[in-house]
Amino acid sequence: SAAITAAEAGARVALIGACTLGGTCVNVGCVPSKALIRAVESLHHARNAARFDGIEASARVTDWAATVAQKQALVEELRGAKYADVLPRYENIDYIAGHARFGDDGQLTVNGEVFAAGKVIIATGARPHVPQIPGIKSVDTLDSTSALELTELPTSMLVLGAGYIGVELAQIFARAGVAVTLVSRRGVLPEAEPEVSAALEGYLAEEGIRLIRFSGYERVSQHADAVRLFGTGGEELRAERLLLATGRVPNSDGLNLAAAGIVVDQRGGIEVDAHMRTANANIWAAGDVTGRDQFVYMAAYGAKIAARNAVAGEARVYDNAHMPWVVFSDPQVSGVGVSEAQARAAGHEIVTSVLPLDAVPRALAARDTRGLIKLVAEAGSKRLLGAQILAPEGADSIQTAAMALRAGLTYEELGDTIMP
């Protein structure tokens, strides 16, 4: 995104990368995970067809390796369509395969050789986090990348972490027939509204996903037939595989950023100002390497701002106030704006509305009333401040709330809007 934007602005661009071409979304994130989510969703729908009187259906996994191969074929197709086939259209972009870092004198280098560049944008993304649990290095763990590449399903799995990655992956493998235990310190989707988190936790439990809270992790060990995880309270869990879903960390280490005067936060995220500029006036950063808003659309958005500001001398500002987000669990979780707790902490006098889906005729007709909708508004002005949706198609609905927030609509104006 940054390279194309800079090229279209007239710059001569070197796109430097040492790994697989393309970002997290196509290669190891959105595309492969959502392909498998949809695959196992077909199993769930068949198994629950009896909710309609007079209908019976069944489904099972017959060849998981084939399912994964189909997913990988899509990944490779989109890698070409979105990246490899696009770059040759720009004569002023050179793709350079190599390791870039800053030398001790602060100059950019590629494979150890000085590489002259007037402006630099760092967009090196992030990788799965490995928690500091004693014994973790001796265990053959899975992460969000390797788990989506498994061609054989284990009989049982511990998923460590119940954020959006942990929830999505736990449900994929549970629906595929794996006995899944979801382990966390703060419960399911702790950043979501409490009503949403509690409801989703119940739905996951109904699907057979075991939910365990640990106050802390004492150690983990590998045995011939199982991985054993011990909690600080004396608890012990065991399963065939352990999947780590404890977040992601920016790929900022190894770049020698300090030599270039670039500052990072405690988690390694490159600190940037509102214009995506680092502490070095000639260097910008965008995407997951900044440690915030780790969504593909926000990475592309930030990269375009960084490129325009770097190349065209503009002063565009990164604005995430109306950023919608989605967790592709089933039911899906989506949100935009502030939560009730965030609104109160900001000093707003608020009103809220929580509507369960059993009050929605469309959900009743589908015989699937899992979920709810929560709205947060300012009491005096009636202006909408935030919304969260837990529903089978919740991802498709949140953009309405995002546009309402961006337009400054009140909840009355939103209610008066005609929708099909």
Protein backbone atom coordinates (compact mmCIF):
# COMPACT_ATOMS: atom_id res chain seq x y z
CA SER A 1 0.00 0.00 0.00
CA ALA A 2 2.78 2.44 0.92
CA ALA A 3 4.88 1.60 -2.14
CA ILE A 4 2.00 1.96 -4.60
CA THR A 5 0.82 5.22 -3.01
CA ALA A 6 4.33 6.66 -3.13
CA ALA A 7 4.80 5.52 -6.74
CA GLU A 8 1.52 7.11 -7.79
CA ALA A 9 2.72 10.32 -6.19
CA GLY A 10 5.76 10.24 -8.49
CA ALA A 11 8.44 8.80 -6.23
CA ARG A 12 11.06 6.23 -7.16
CA VAL A 13 10.37 3.37 -4.75
CA ALA A 14 12.36 0.41 -3.47
CA LEU A 15 10.13 -2.20 -1.83
CA ILE A 16 12.43 -4.27 0.38
CA GLY A 17 11.45 -7.57 1.97
CA ALA A 18 13.18 -10.76 3.07
CA CYS A 19 10.18 -13.06 3.49
CA THR A 20 7.11 -14.13 1.54
CA LEU A 21 5.68 -11.33 -0.57
CA GLY A 22 2.51 -9.86 0.84
CA GLY A 23 1.09 -9.03 4.24
CA THR A 24 -0.35 -10.93 7.17
CA CYS A 25 -3.92 -10.80 5.87
CA VAL A 26 -3.47 -12.76 2.65
CA ASN A 27 -0.66 -15.07 3.75
CA VAL A 28 -1.34 -16.10 7.35
CA GLY A 29 -4.25 -14.05 8.68
CA CYS A 30 -7.64 -13.04 7.35
CA VAL A 31 -7.79 -15.13 4.19
CA PRO A 32 -6.65 -18.54 5.51
CA SER A 33 -8.52 -18.22 8.80
CA LYS A 34 -11.79 -17.10 7.22
CA ALA A 35 -11.55 -19.81 4.57
CA LEU A 36 -11.40 -22.45 7.30
CA ILE A 37 -14.04 -20.68 9.41
CA ARG A 38 -16.45 -20.92 6.48
CA ALA A 39 -15.50 -24.56 5.88
CA VAL A 40 -16.34 -25.69 9.41
CA GLU A 41 -19.39 -23.42 9.49
CA SER A 42 -20.93 -25.80 6.94
CA LEU A 43 -20.49 -28.60 9.49
CA HIS A 44 -22.20 -26.55 12.18
CA HIS A 45 -25.17 -25.67 9.98
CA ALA A 46 -25.70 -29.31 9.04
CA ARG A 47 -25.47 -30.51 12.62
CA ASN A 48 -28.01 -27.91 13.71
CA ALA A 49 -30.46 -28.35 10.84
CA ALA A 50 -32.88 -30.10 13.20
CA ARG A 51 -33.78 -26.71 14.70
CA PHE A 52 -36.18 -26.61 11.75
CA ASP A 53 -38.96 -29.16 12.19
CA GLY A 54 -38.91 -31.91 9.59
CA ILE A 55 -35.29 -31.44 8.53
CA GLU A 56 -32.37 -33.72 9.29
CA ALA A 57 -28.77 -33.38 8.10
CA SER A 58 -25.29 -34.48 9.05
CA ALA A 59 -21.75 -33.57 8.08
CA ARG A 60 -18.22 -34.60 8.98
CA VAL A 61 -14.61 -33.99 8.01
CA THR A 62 -13.49 -36.63 5.53
CA ASP A 63 -10.13 -35.15 4.45
CA TRP A 64 -8.81 -32.20 6.46
CA ALA A 65 -5.65 -32.12 4.35
CA ALA A 66 -7.79 -31.43 1.27
CA THR A 67 -9.61 -28.62 3.08
CA VAL A 68 -6.29 -27.06 4.05
CA ALA A 69 -4.92 -27.49 0.51
CA GLN A 70 -7.95 -25.66 -0.91
CA LYS A 71 -7.34 -22.86 1.56
CA GLN A 72 -3.68 -22.64 0.59
CA ALA A 73 -4.53 -22.53 -3.12
CA LEU A 74 -6.68 -19.47 -2.44
CA VAL A 75 -3.87 -17.85 -0.47
CA GLU A 76 -1.44 -18.33 -3.35
CA GLU A 77 -3.98 -17.09 -5.89
CA LEU A 78 -4.60 -13.90 -3.92
CA ARG A 79 -0.89 -13.39 -3.25
CA GLY A 80 -0.48 -13.12 -7.00
CA ALA A 81 -3.58 -11.02 -7.60
CA LYS A 82 -2.92 -8.58 -4.74
CA TYR A 83 0.87 -8.38 -4.79
CA ALA A 84 3.03 -10.22 -7.31
CA ASP A 85 0.91 -9.36 -10.34
CA VAL A 86 0.39 -5.76 -9.25
CA LEU A 87 4.00 -4.59 -8.78
CA PRO A 88 5.07 -4.97 -12.45
CA ARG A 89 2.45 -2.39 -13.41
CA TYR A 90 4.54 0.28 -11.69
CA GLU A 91 7.77 1.06 -13.53
CA ASN A 92 8.98 3.21 -10.65
CA ILE A 93 8.79 0.39 -8.04
CA ASP A 94 11.72 -2.00 -7.65
CA TYR A 95 11.13 -5.06 -5.50
CA ILE A 96 14.32 -6.04 -3.65
CA ALA A 97 14.56 -9.35 -1.81
CA GLY A 98 16.87 -8.79 1.12
CA HIS A 99 17.27 -7.99 4.82
CA ALA A 100 16.98 -4.30 5.61
CA ARG A 101 18.19 -2.72 8.84
CA PHE A 102 19.88 0.45 9.99
CA GLY A 103 23.63 0.54 10.38
CA ASP A 104 25.27 1.85 13.51
CA ASP A 105 25.60 5.21 11.79
CA GLY A 106 21.84 5.32 11.21
CA GLN A 107 22.00 4.70 7.47
CA LEU A 108 19.68 2.18 5.86
CA THR A 109 21.40 -1.03 4.73
CA VAL A 110 20.23 -4.03 2.69
CA ASN A 111 22.12 -7.29 3.23
CA GLY A 112 24.79 -5.25 5.00
CA GLU A 113 25.36 -2.77 2.18
CA VAL A 114 24.43 0.91 2.50
CA PHE A 115 21.23 1.66 0.58
CA ALA A 116 20.70 5.32 -0.28
CA ALA A 117 17.15 6.48 0.43
CA GLY A 118 15.83 9.95 1.15
CA LYS A 119 12.68 8.78 2.92
CA VAL A 120 11.87 5.46 4.57
CA ILE A 121 8.57 3.84 5.59
CA ILE A 122 8.80 0.87 7.95
CA ALA A 123 5.95 -1.61 7.47
CA THR A 124 7.40 -4.85 8.80
CA GLY A 125 4.23 -6.06 10.50
CA ALA A 126 3.99 -8.31 13.55
CA ARG A 127 4.34 -11.96 14.55
CA PRO A 128 2.69 -14.26 17.11
CA HIS A 129 3.68 -13.58 20.71
CA VAL A 130 5.32 -16.35 22.74
CA PRO A 131 4.53 -15.94 26.47
CA GLN A 132 7.30 -16.24 29.03
CA ILE A 133 6.13 -19.48 30.65
CA PRO A 134 8.81 -21.78 32.09
CA GLY A 135 9.32 -24.75 29.76
CA ILE A 136 7.62 -23.18 26.75
CA LYS A 137 10.72 -23.47 24.55
CA SER A 138 10.83 -27.23 25.03
CA VAL A 139 7.25 -27.70 23.81
CA ASP A 140 6.21 -28.16 20.18
CA THR A 141 3.66 -25.35 20.23
CA LEU A 142 1.37 -24.09 17.49
CA ASP A 143 0.65 -20.47 16.68
CA SER A 144 -1.92 -18.81 14.44
CA THR A 145 0.27 -19.48 11.40
CA SER A 146 1.24 -23.11 11.95
CA ALA A 147 -2.21 -24.08 13.26
CA LEU A 148 -3.79 -23.09 9.94
CA GLU A 149 -1.25 -25.30 8.13
CA LEU A 150 -2.01 -28.52 10.04
CA THR A 151 -2.97 -31.29 7.64
CA GLU A 152 -3.91 -33.73 10.40
CA LEU A 153 -6.32 -32.84 13.18
CA PRO A 154 -5.19 -33.61 16.74
CA THR A 155 -7.61 -35.31 19.10
CA SER A 156 -7.34 -32.53 21.68
CA MET A 157 -5.97 -28.99 21.91
CA LEU A 158 -5.31 -26.32 24.53
CA VAL A 159 -5.75 -22.80 23.16
CA LEU A 160 -3.92 -20.30 25.34
CA GLY A 161 -5.54 -16.86 25.06
CA ALA A 162 -9.18 -15.95 24.47
CA GLY A 163 -8.84 -12.78 22.43
CA TYR A 164 -10.07 -12.64 18.85
CA ILE A 165 -7.38 -14.99 17.52
CA GLY A 166 -7.91 -17.57 20.26
CA VAL A 167 -11.70 -17.51 19.91
CA GLU A 168 -11.65 -17.88 16.12
CA LEU A 169 -9.12 -20.72 16.12
CA ALA A 170 -10.74 -22.54 19.05
CA GLN A 171 -14.06 -22.60 17.22
CA ILE A 172 -12.49 -23.76 13.95
CA PHE A 173 -10.89 -26.80 15.56
CA ALA A 174 -13.81 -27.59 17.84
CA ARG A 175 -16.20 -27.68 14.88
CA ALA A 176 -13.73 -29.85 12.99
CA GLY A 177 -13.95 -32.43 15.78
CA VAL A 178 -11.06 -31.54 18.10
CA ALA A 179 -11.66 -31.50 21.87
CA VAL A 180 -10.74 -27.87 22.62
CA THR A 181 -10.00 -26.21 25.94
CA LEU A 182 -9.79 -22.41 25.82
CA VAL A 183 -7.56 -21.05 28.59
CA SER A 184 -7.25 -17.40 29.58
CA ARG A 185 -6.72 -15.05 32.49
CA ARG A 186 -9.51 -12.58 31.74
CA GLY A 187 -12.22 -14.57 30.00
CA VAL A 188 -13.50 -14.46 26.43
CA LEU A 189 -12.92 -11.21 24.48
CA PRO A 190 -12.14 -9.17 27.60
CA GLU A 191 -12.10 -5.88 25.65
CA ALA A 192 -15.69 -6.31 24.44
CA GLU A 193 -18.80 -5.19 26.29
CA PRO A 194 -19.39 -7.51 29.29
CA GLU A 195 -22.81 -8.54 27.95
CA VAL A 196 -21.19 -9.57 24.66
CA SER A 197 -18.33 -11.47 26.30
CA ALA A 198 -20.62 -13.36 28.67
CA ALA A 199 -23.05 -14.35 25.91
CA LEU A 200 -20.32 -15.51 23.53
CA GLU A 201 -18.68 -17.52 26.30
CA GLY A 202 -21.96 -19.35 26.79
CA TYR A 203 -22.38 -20.08 23.09
CA LEU A 204 -18.85 -21.49 22.84
CA ALA A 205 -19.53 -23.71 25.85
CA GLU A 206 -22.71 -24.98 24.17
CA GLU A 207 -20.54 -26.13 21.24
CA GLY A 208 -18.41 -28.18 23.61
CA ILE A 209 -15.49 -25.79 24.03
CA ARG A 210 -14.22 -26.05 27.58
CA LEU A 211 -13.48 -22.63 29.12
CA ILE A 212 -10.88 -22.40 31.89
CA ARG A 213 -9.59 -19.31 33.70
CA PHE A 214 -6.08 -19.40 35.17
CA SER A 215 -4.81 -16.65 37.44
CA GLY A 216 -1.33 -17.35 36.10
CA TYR A 217 0.81 -19.96 34.36
CA GLU A 218 3.41 -21.83 36.39
CA ARG A 219 4.99 -24.02 33.72
CA VAL A 220 4.39 -26.16 30.65
CA SER A 221 5.97 -29.48 29.71
CA GLN A 222 6.01 -31.88 26.78
CA HIS A 223 5.32 -35.56 27.26
CA ALA A 224 5.10 -38.42 24.80
CA ASP A 225 1.33 -38.32 24.52
CA ALA A 226 0.42 -34.81 25.69
CA VAL A 227 1.37 -31.27 26.55
CA ARG A 228 0.79 -30.43 30.21
CA LEU A 229 0.00 -26.87 31.35
CA PHE A 230 0.17 -26.02 35.05
CA GLY A 231 -1.51 -23.00 36.62
CA THR A 232 -0.18 -21.03 39.58
CA GLY A 233 -3.18 -22.22 41.60
CA GLY A 234 -2.21 -25.86 41.23
CA GLU A 235 -4.40 -26.56 38.21
CA GLU A 236 -3.24 -28.94 35.50
CA LEU A 237 -4.50 -29.28 31.93
CA ARG A 238 -3.30 -31.63 29.23
CA ALA A 239 -3.92 -32.08 25.51
CA GLU A 240 -2.22 -33.40 22.42
CA ARG A 241 -1.33 -29.91 21.13
CA LEU A 242 -0.89 -26.44 22.63
CA LEU A 243 -1.84 -23.44 20.50
CA LEU A 244 -0.53 -20.03 21.57
CA ALA A 245 -2.94 -17.17 20.89
CA THR A 246 -1.61 -14.60 23.34
CA GLY A 247 -1.43 -11.69 20.93
CA ARG A 248 1.11 -10.40 18.43
CA VAL A 249 4.33 -8.41 18.79
CA PRO A 250 5.73 -5.88 16.30
CA ASN A 251 8.61 -6.92 14.04
CA SER A 252 10.78 -4.05 15.20
CA ASP A 253 13.64 -5.92 16.84
CA GLY A 254 16.65 -6.64 14.65
CA LEU A 255 16.24 -3.39 12.69
CA ASN A 256 18.67 -1.44 14.91
CA LEU A 257 16.10 1.32 15.22
CA ALA A 258 17.87 3.14 18.05
CA ALA A 259 20.79 3.91 15.74
CA ALA A 260 18.35 5.77 13.49
CA GLY A 261 16.84 7.66 16.41
CA ILE A 262 13.56 5.75 16.30
CA VAL A 263 11.68 5.20 19.56
CA VAL A 264 9.64 2.09 20.40
CA ASP A 265 7.20 1.44 23.24
CA GLN A 266 7.44 -1.33 25.86
CA ARG A 267 5.97 -3.94 23.49
CA GLY A 268 8.25 -2.94 20.63
CA GLY A 269 5.71 -0.86 18.71
CA ILE A 270 7.30 1.99 16.77
CA GLU A 271 6.06 5.28 18.16
CA VAL A 272 4.66 7.63 15.53
CA ASP A 273 2.86 10.96 15.61
CA ALA A 274 -0.54 11.70 14.08
CA HIS A 275 1.14 11.91 10.65
CA MET A 276 2.73 8.42 11.02
CA ARG A 277 6.17 10.01 11.43
CA THR A 278 8.74 8.55 13.82
CA ALA A 279 11.18 10.49 15.98
CA ASN A 280 13.44 10.55 12.90
CA ALA A 281 12.10 13.25 10.58
CA ASN A 282 12.87 11.17 7.46
CA ILE A 283 11.30 7.92 8.62
CA TRP A 284 7.63 6.93 8.93
CA ALA A 285 6.00 3.70 10.10
CA ALA A 286 2.64 2.08 9.41
CA GLY A 287 0.67 -1.07 10.10
CA ASP A 288 1.13 -3.68 12.81
CA VAL A 289 4.72 -2.65 13.50
CA THR A 290 3.30 0.42 15.27
CA GLY A 291 1.54 -1.92 17.71
CA ARG A 292 -1.95 -0.46 17.27
CA ASP A 293 -5.12 -1.14 15.30
CA GLN A 294 -3.90 -4.48 13.97
CA PHE A 295 -6.37 -4.80 11.10
CA VAL A 296 -5.50 -4.99 7.41
CA TYR A 297 -7.69 -2.03 6.47
CA MET A 298 -6.09 0.16 9.14
CA ALA A 299 -2.60 -0.92 8.02
CA ALA A 300 -3.38 0.03 4.42
CA TYR A 301 -4.98 3.29 5.56
CA GLY A 302 -1.98 4.22 7.71
CA ALA A 303 0.46 3.28 4.95
CA LYS A 304 -1.26 5.57 2.47
CA ILE A 305 -1.11 8.45 4.94
CA ALA A 306 2.57 7.80 5.65
CA ALA A 307 3.41 7.65 1.94
CA ARG A 308 1.53 10.81 1.01
CA ASN A 309 3.10 12.69 3.90
CA ALA A 310 6.59 11.37 3.14
CA VAL A 311 6.58 11.83 -0.62
CA ALA A 312 4.15 14.66 -1.31
CA GLY A 313 4.90 16.72 1.78
CA GLU A 314 1.30 16.53 2.96
CA ALA A 315 0.11 16.59 6.57
CA ARG A 316 -2.61 13.95 6.56
CA VAL A 317 -3.72 12.73 9.98
CA TYR A 318 -4.38 9.16 11.07
CA ASP A 319 -7.88 9.01 12.55
CA ASN A 320 -9.17 5.79 14.14
CA ALA A 321 -12.12 7.30 16.02
CA HIS A 322 -14.65 5.55 13.79
CA MET A 323 -12.72 2.34 13.15
CA PRO A 324 -15.03 -0.69 12.98
CA TRP A 325 -13.68 -4.06 14.12
CA VAL A 326 -14.89 -7.62 13.74
CA VAL A 327 -14.23 -10.98 15.37
CA PHE A 328 -15.26 -13.78 13.00
CA SER A 329 -16.53 -16.12 15.67
CA ASP A 330 -20.03 -17.57 15.29
CA PRO A 331 -21.98 -15.57 16.23
CA GLN A 332 -19.76 -12.76 14.98
CA VAL A 333 -18.74 -9.88 17.22
CA SER A 334 -18.37 -6.40 15.79
CA GLY A 335 -18.01 -2.94 17.21
CA VAL A 336 -17.27 0.71 16.55
CA GLY A 337 -16.74 3.76 18.75
CA VAL A 338 -16.47 3.57 22.53
CA SER A 339 -17.85 1.04 24.98
CA GLU A 340 -20.03 1.95 27.94
CA ALA A 341 -17.02 1.84 30.29
CA GLN A 342 -14.90 3.96 27.95
CA ALA A 343 -17.68 6.53 27.56
CA ARG A 344 -18.10 6.86 31.32
CA ALA A 345 -14.33 7.10 31.81
CA ALA A 346 -14.28 9.96 29.29
CA GLY A 347 -16.81 11.85 31.42
CA HIS A 348 -19.90 11.39 29.24
CA GLU A 349 -23.35 11.18 30.76
CA ILE A 350 -24.71 8.27 28.79
CA VAL A 351 -27.72 6.13 28.00
CA THR A 352 -27.49 2.57 26.73
CA SER A 353 -29.74 0.11 24.94
CA VAL A 354 -29.34 -3.67 24.84
CA LEU A 355 -31.56 -5.58 22.42
CA PRO A 356 -31.46 -9.40 22.51
CA LEU A 357 -31.86 -11.08 19.14
CA ASP A 358 -34.92 -12.98 20.31
CA ALA A 359 -36.71 -9.65 19.82
CA VAL A 360 -35.70 -9.54 16.14
CA PRO A 361 -38.11 -11.26 13.71
CA ARG A 362 -35.33 -12.05 11.22
CA ALA A 363 -33.48 -13.99 13.91
CA LEU A 364 -36.67 -15.77 14.94
CA ALA A 365 -37.30 -16.78 11.33
CA ALA A 366 -33.75 -18.19 11.13
CA ARG A 367 -34.35 -20.15 14.34
CA ASP A 368 -31.08 -18.64 15.59
CA THR A 369 -31.51 -15.98 18.26
CA ARG A 370 -27.96 -16.09 19.56
CA GLY A 371 -26.71 -12.59 20.26
CA LEU A 372 -27.56 -9.02 21.12
CA ILE A 373 -27.04 -5.42 20.03
CA LYS A 374 -25.75 -2.77 22.43
CA LEU A 375 -25.77 0.96 21.71
CA VAL A 376 -24.11 3.69 23.77
CA ALA A 377 -25.19 7.32 23.36
CA GLU A 378 -24.69 10.69 25.02
CA ALA A 379 -27.69 11.43 27.23
CA GLY A 380 -28.17 15.12 26.48
CA SER A 381 -27.41 15.31 22.78
CA LYS A 382 -28.61 11.74 22.04
CA ARG A 383 -25.54 11.44 19.82
CA LEU A 384 -24.44 7.85 19.18
CA LEU A 385 -21.04 7.12 20.77
CA GLY A 386 -20.57 3.40 20.19
CA ALA A 387 -22.13 0.14 19.18
CA GLN A 388 -21.37 -3.55 19.54
CA ILE A 389 -23.19 -6.39 17.81
CA LEU A 390 -23.14 -10.10 18.62
CA ALA A 391 -25.01 -11.89 15.86
CA PRO A 392 -24.52 -14.56 13.18
CA GLU A 393 -24.19 -11.79 10.55
CA GLY A 394 -23.00 -9.06 12.91
CA ALA A 395 -20.05 -8.15 10.70
CA ASP A 396 -22.43 -7.07 7.93
CA SER A 397 -24.31 -4.66 10.20
CA ILE A 398 -21.61 -2.70 12.00
CA GLN A 399 -20.78 -0.44 9.05
CA THR A 400 -24.18 1.25 9.50
CA ALA A 401 -23.19 2.24 13.02
CA ALA A 402 -19.74 3.33 11.82
CA MET A 403 -21.29 5.67 9.26
CA ALA A 404 -23.75 6.98 11.85
CA LEU A 405 -20.87 7.82 14.20
CA ARG A 406 -18.90 9.49 11.43
CA ALA A 407 -21.94 11.59 10.49
CA GLY A 408 -22.63 12.49 14.13
CA LEU A 409 -26.15 11.03 14.07
CA THR A 410 -28.32 10.76 17.14
CA TYR A 411 -29.93 7.46 17.99
CA GLU A 412 -33.28 8.97 16.97
CA GLU A 413 -31.92 9.91 13.54
CA LEU A 414 -30.46 6.43 13.18
CA GLY A 415 -33.82 4.94 14.16
CA ASP A 416 -35.61 7.09 11.58
CA THR A 417 -33.32 5.85 8.77
CA ILE A 418 -35.12 3.48 6.43
CA MET A 419 -33.38 0.11 6.16
CA PRO A 420 -34.42 -3.10 4.35
